[in-house]
Amino acid sequence: MKIELGKRFWLALTAAILILTFFVVGRNFLHAVRINRQINRLEREAEMYRARIAEDSLLIERLRYDDYLEQYAREHYNMQKPGEKVYIIR
């Protein structure tokens, strides 16, 4: 008893394999695109934090000097010396 597989069977099998392959490859491609977007976003965020760290390091270095520390406190925290009048203009 020999079973003959017809032309329709092979066409259906080929179509099923192609459709499955398309969905698997397409899904993986979309996943790769999402991951690349996330990597780019995280790299931009890391660069922003590196720049912020550089600015803060410079500020810390400047605040080691008393003259700059006094100026910074006056400008950012509205501090004043005893008996001194300060007018804030915005």
N, C-alpha and C. Protein backbone atom coordinates (compact mmCIF):
# COMPACT_ATOMS: atom_id res chain seq x y z
N MET A 1 0.84 -1.16 0.00
CA MET A 1 0.00 0.00 0.00
C MET A 1 0.90 1.24 0.00
N LYS A 2 0.83 1.96 -1.05
CA LYS A 2 1.67 3.13 -1.22
C LYS A 2 0.78 4.37 -1.14
N ILE A 3 1.20 5.33 -0.33
CA ILE A 3 0.44 6.57 -0.19
C ILE A 3 1.07 7.62 -1.08
N GLU A 4 0.28 8.16 -1.96
CA GLU A 4 0.80 9.21 -2.84
C GLU A 4 0.38 10.56 -2.29
N LEU A 5 1.35 11.40 -2.17
CA LEU A 5 1.07 12.77 -1.73
C LEU A 5 0.92 13.64 -2.96
N GLY A 6 -0.18 14.33 -3.02
CA GLY A 6 -0.48 15.11 -4.21
C GLY A 6 0.18 16.46 -4.23
N LYS A 7 0.01 17.10 -5.33
CA LYS A 7 0.57 18.42 -5.55
C LYS A 7 -0.01 19.44 -4.57
N ARG A 8 -1.27 19.31 -4.26
CA ARG A 8 -1.92 20.23 -3.32
C ARG A 8 -1.30 20.14 -1.93
N PHE A 9 -0.99 18.93 -1.50
CA PHE A 9 -0.38 18.73 -0.19
C PHE A 9 0.95 19.47 -0.09
N TRP A 10 1.78 19.30 -1.11
CA TRP A 10 3.10 19.95 -1.08
C TRP A 10 2.97 21.47 -1.15
N LEU A 11 2.01 21.97 -1.92
CA LEU A 11 1.79 23.42 -1.97
C LEU A 11 1.30 23.94 -0.62
N ALA A 12 0.40 23.22 0.01
CA ALA A 12 -0.12 23.62 1.33
C ALA A 12 1.00 23.57 2.37
N LEU A 13 1.81 22.52 2.33
CA LEU A 13 2.92 22.40 3.28
C LEU A 13 3.93 23.53 3.08
N THR A 14 4.26 23.82 1.84
CA THR A 14 5.19 24.92 1.53
C THR A 14 4.62 26.26 1.99
N ALA A 15 3.34 26.48 1.73
CA ALA A 15 2.70 27.73 2.15
C ALA A 15 2.71 27.85 3.67
N ALA A 16 2.41 26.75 4.36
CA ALA A 16 2.40 26.77 5.83
C ALA A 16 3.79 27.08 6.38
N ILE A 17 4.80 26.47 5.80
CA ILE A 17 6.18 26.73 6.24
C ILE A 17 6.57 28.18 5.99
N LEU A 18 6.21 28.69 4.82
CA LEU A 18 6.52 30.09 4.50
C LEU A 18 5.80 31.05 5.45
N ILE A 19 4.55 30.78 5.74
CA ILE A 19 3.78 31.66 6.65
C ILE A 19 4.38 31.61 8.05
N LEU A 20 4.69 30.42 8.55
CA LEU A 20 5.30 30.31 9.87
C LEU A 20 6.65 31.02 9.92
N THR A 21 7.44 30.84 8.88
CA THR A 21 8.74 31.50 8.80
C THR A 21 8.58 33.01 8.79
N PHE A 22 7.60 33.50 8.02
CA PHE A 22 7.35 34.93 7.95
C PHE A 22 7.00 35.50 9.32
N PHE A 23 6.11 34.81 10.05
CA PHE A 23 5.71 35.31 11.36
C PHE A 23 6.86 35.26 12.36
N VAL A 24 7.64 34.21 12.34
CA VAL A 24 8.76 34.09 13.28
C VAL A 24 9.82 35.16 12.98
N VAL A 25 10.17 35.30 11.70
CA VAL A 25 11.18 36.29 11.32
C VAL A 25 10.65 37.71 11.57
N GLY A 26 9.38 37.95 11.22
CA GLY A 26 8.79 39.26 11.44
C GLY A 26 8.74 39.62 12.92
N ARG A 27 8.37 38.66 13.74
CA ARG A 27 8.33 38.89 15.19
C ARG A 27 9.72 39.20 15.73
N ASN A 28 10.70 38.44 15.29
CA ASN A 28 12.08 38.68 15.74
C ASN A 28 12.59 40.03 15.24
N PHE A 29 12.20 40.39 14.02
CA PHE A 29 12.61 41.69 13.48
C PHE A 29 12.02 42.82 14.30
N LEU A 30 10.73 42.74 14.63
CA LEU A 30 10.10 43.77 15.46
C LEU A 30 10.74 43.84 16.84
N HIS A 31 11.05 42.70 17.39
CA HIS A 31 11.71 42.67 18.71
C HIS A 31 13.09 43.33 18.63
N ALA A 32 13.82 43.07 17.57
CA ALA A 32 15.14 43.68 17.38
C ALA A 32 15.02 45.20 17.23
N VAL A 33 14.01 45.65 16.51
CA VAL A 33 13.81 47.09 16.34
C VAL A 33 13.51 47.74 17.69
N ARG A 34 12.64 47.12 18.48
CA ARG A 34 12.33 47.66 19.81
C ARG A 34 13.57 47.71 20.69
N ILE A 35 14.37 46.67 20.65
CA ILE A 35 15.58 46.64 21.47
C ILE A 35 16.56 47.72 21.03
N ASN A 36 16.72 47.91 19.71
CA ASN A 36 17.60 48.97 19.22
C ASN A 36 17.13 50.34 19.65
N ARG A 37 15.83 50.58 19.61
CA ARG A 37 15.29 51.86 20.08
C ARG A 37 15.58 52.06 21.56
N GLN A 38 15.39 51.01 22.34
CA GLN A 38 15.65 51.10 23.77
C GLN A 38 17.13 51.35 24.03
N ILE A 39 18.01 50.69 23.29
CA ILE A 39 19.45 50.91 23.45
C ILE A 39 19.81 52.35 23.13
N ASN A 40 19.26 52.89 22.04
CA ASN A 40 19.54 54.28 21.67
C ASN A 40 19.04 55.24 22.74
N ARG A 41 17.85 54.99 23.27
CA ARG A 41 17.30 55.85 24.32
C ARG A 41 18.19 55.80 25.57
N LEU A 42 18.61 54.61 25.94
CA LEU A 42 19.45 54.46 27.13
C LEU A 42 20.83 55.09 26.93
N GLU A 43 21.37 55.01 25.71
CA GLU A 43 22.66 55.66 25.44
C GLU A 43 22.55 57.18 25.54
N ARG A 44 21.43 57.73 25.02
CA ARG A 44 21.22 59.19 25.15
C ARG A 44 21.08 59.58 26.61
N GLU A 45 20.36 58.76 27.36
CA GLU A 45 20.17 59.02 28.79
C GLU A 45 21.50 58.94 29.53
N ALA A 46 22.32 57.95 29.20
CA ALA A 46 23.63 57.81 29.84
C ALA A 46 24.51 59.02 29.53
N GLU A 47 24.45 59.50 28.29
CA GLU A 47 25.24 60.68 27.92
C GLU A 47 24.76 61.91 28.69
N MET A 48 23.44 62.04 28.86
CA MET A 48 22.91 63.16 29.64
C MET A 48 23.42 63.10 31.08
N TYR A 49 23.43 61.90 31.66
CA TYR A 49 23.90 61.76 33.03
C TYR A 49 25.41 62.01 33.12
N ARG A 50 26.17 61.62 32.10
CA ARG A 50 27.61 61.93 32.11
C ARG A 50 27.84 63.43 32.09
N ALA A 51 27.05 64.14 31.29
CA ALA A 51 27.18 65.60 31.23
C ALA A 51 26.80 66.21 32.57
N ARG A 52 25.74 65.70 33.19
CA ARG A 52 25.32 66.22 34.49
C ARG A 52 26.39 65.95 35.55
N ILE A 53 27.00 64.78 35.49
CA ILE A 53 28.07 64.45 36.45
C ILE A 53 29.25 65.40 36.25
N ALA A 54 29.59 65.70 35.00
CA ALA A 54 30.69 66.63 34.73
C ALA A 54 30.38 68.02 35.27
N GLU A 55 29.15 68.49 35.08
CA GLU A 55 28.76 69.80 35.61
C GLU A 55 28.82 69.81 37.13
N ASP A 56 28.29 68.77 37.75
CA ASP A 56 28.30 68.71 39.21
C ASP A 56 29.71 68.59 39.77
N SER A 57 30.57 67.86 39.08
CA SER A 57 31.97 67.75 39.52
C SER A 57 32.66 69.11 39.46
N LEU A 58 32.38 69.85 38.40
CA LEU A 58 32.95 71.20 38.29
C LEU A 58 32.42 72.09 39.40
N LEU A 59 31.14 72.01 39.69
CA LEU A 59 30.55 72.80 40.77
C LEU A 59 31.16 72.43 42.12
N ILE A 60 31.34 71.16 42.37
CA ILE A 60 31.95 70.71 43.63
C ILE A 60 33.37 71.25 43.74
N GLU A 61 34.10 71.20 42.64
CA GLU A 61 35.48 71.72 42.66
C GLU A 61 35.49 73.21 42.94
N ARG A 62 34.56 73.96 42.35
CA ARG A 62 34.50 75.40 42.59
C ARG A 62 34.06 75.72 44.01
N LEU A 63 33.18 74.90 44.58
CA LEU A 63 32.67 75.17 45.93
C LEU A 63 33.73 74.94 47.00
N ARG A 64 34.86 74.41 46.64
CA ARG A 64 35.95 74.23 47.62
C ARG A 64 36.56 75.57 48.03
N TYR A 65 36.36 76.59 47.20
CA TYR A 65 36.90 77.91 47.50
C TYR A 65 35.83 78.74 48.19
N ASP A 66 36.23 79.42 49.28
CA ASP A 66 35.27 80.15 50.09
C ASP A 66 34.60 81.30 49.33
N ASP A 67 35.34 81.98 48.46
CA ASP A 67 34.75 83.10 47.72
C ASP A 67 33.60 82.62 46.83
N TYR A 68 33.82 81.56 46.11
CA TYR A 68 32.78 81.04 45.23
C TYR A 68 31.63 80.45 46.04
N LEU A 69 31.95 79.82 47.17
CA LEU A 69 30.91 79.25 48.02
C LEU A 69 29.97 80.34 48.52
N GLU A 70 30.55 81.47 48.94
CA GLU A 70 29.73 82.59 49.41
C GLU A 70 28.87 83.13 48.27
N GLN A 71 29.46 83.33 47.10
CA GLN A 71 28.71 83.83 45.95
C GLN A 71 27.58 82.86 45.57
N TYR A 72 27.86 81.59 45.58
CA TYR A 72 26.85 80.59 45.23
C TYR A 72 25.71 80.60 46.24
N ALA A 73 26.03 80.68 47.52
CA ALA A 73 24.99 80.71 48.56
C ALA A 73 24.13 81.95 48.43
N ARG A 74 24.73 83.09 48.11
CA ARG A 74 23.96 84.32 47.94
C ARG A 74 23.03 84.23 46.74
N GLU A 75 23.51 83.69 45.62
CA GLU A 75 22.72 83.64 44.40
C GLU A 75 21.61 82.59 44.46
N HIS A 76 21.90 81.43 44.99
CA HIS A 76 20.94 80.33 44.92
C HIS A 76 20.07 80.18 46.17
N TYR A 77 20.53 80.64 47.29
CA TYR A 77 19.78 80.43 48.53
C TYR A 77 19.39 81.75 49.19
N ASN A 78 19.62 82.87 48.50
CA ASN A 78 19.25 84.21 48.98
C ASN A 78 19.78 84.48 50.38
N MET A 79 20.99 84.05 50.63
CA MET A 79 21.62 84.28 51.94
C MET A 79 22.21 85.68 51.98
N GLN A 80 22.37 86.18 53.19
CA GLN A 80 22.91 87.52 53.36
C GLN A 80 23.74 87.58 54.63
N LYS A 81 24.57 88.59 54.70
CA LYS A 81 25.37 88.81 55.90
C LYS A 81 24.51 89.54 56.92
N PRO A 82 24.82 89.44 58.19
CA PRO A 82 24.04 90.16 59.20
C PRO A 82 24.08 91.68 58.93
N GLY A 83 22.94 92.32 59.00
CA GLY A 83 22.85 93.75 58.80
C GLY A 83 22.82 94.17 57.33
N GLU A 84 22.85 93.25 56.43
CA GLU A 84 22.89 93.55 55.02
C GLU A 84 21.45 93.45 54.46
N LYS A 85 21.13 94.37 53.55
CA LYS A 85 19.82 94.33 52.91
C LYS A 85 19.98 93.75 51.51
N VAL A 86 19.11 92.82 51.19
CA VAL A 86 19.16 92.16 49.89
C VAL A 86 17.83 92.40 49.18
N TYR A 87 17.92 92.83 47.94
CA TYR A 87 16.73 93.02 47.13
C TYR A 87 16.76 91.97 46.01
N ILE A 88 15.71 91.20 45.93
CA ILE A 88 15.64 90.13 44.94
C ILE A 88 14.84 90.64 43.74
N ILE A 89 15.48 90.64 42.59
CA ILE A 89 14.84 91.07 41.36
C ILE A 89 14.80 89.88 40.42
N ARG A 90 13.62 89.54 39.97
CA ARG A 90 13.49 88.38 39.08
C ARG A 90 13.03 88.82 37.73
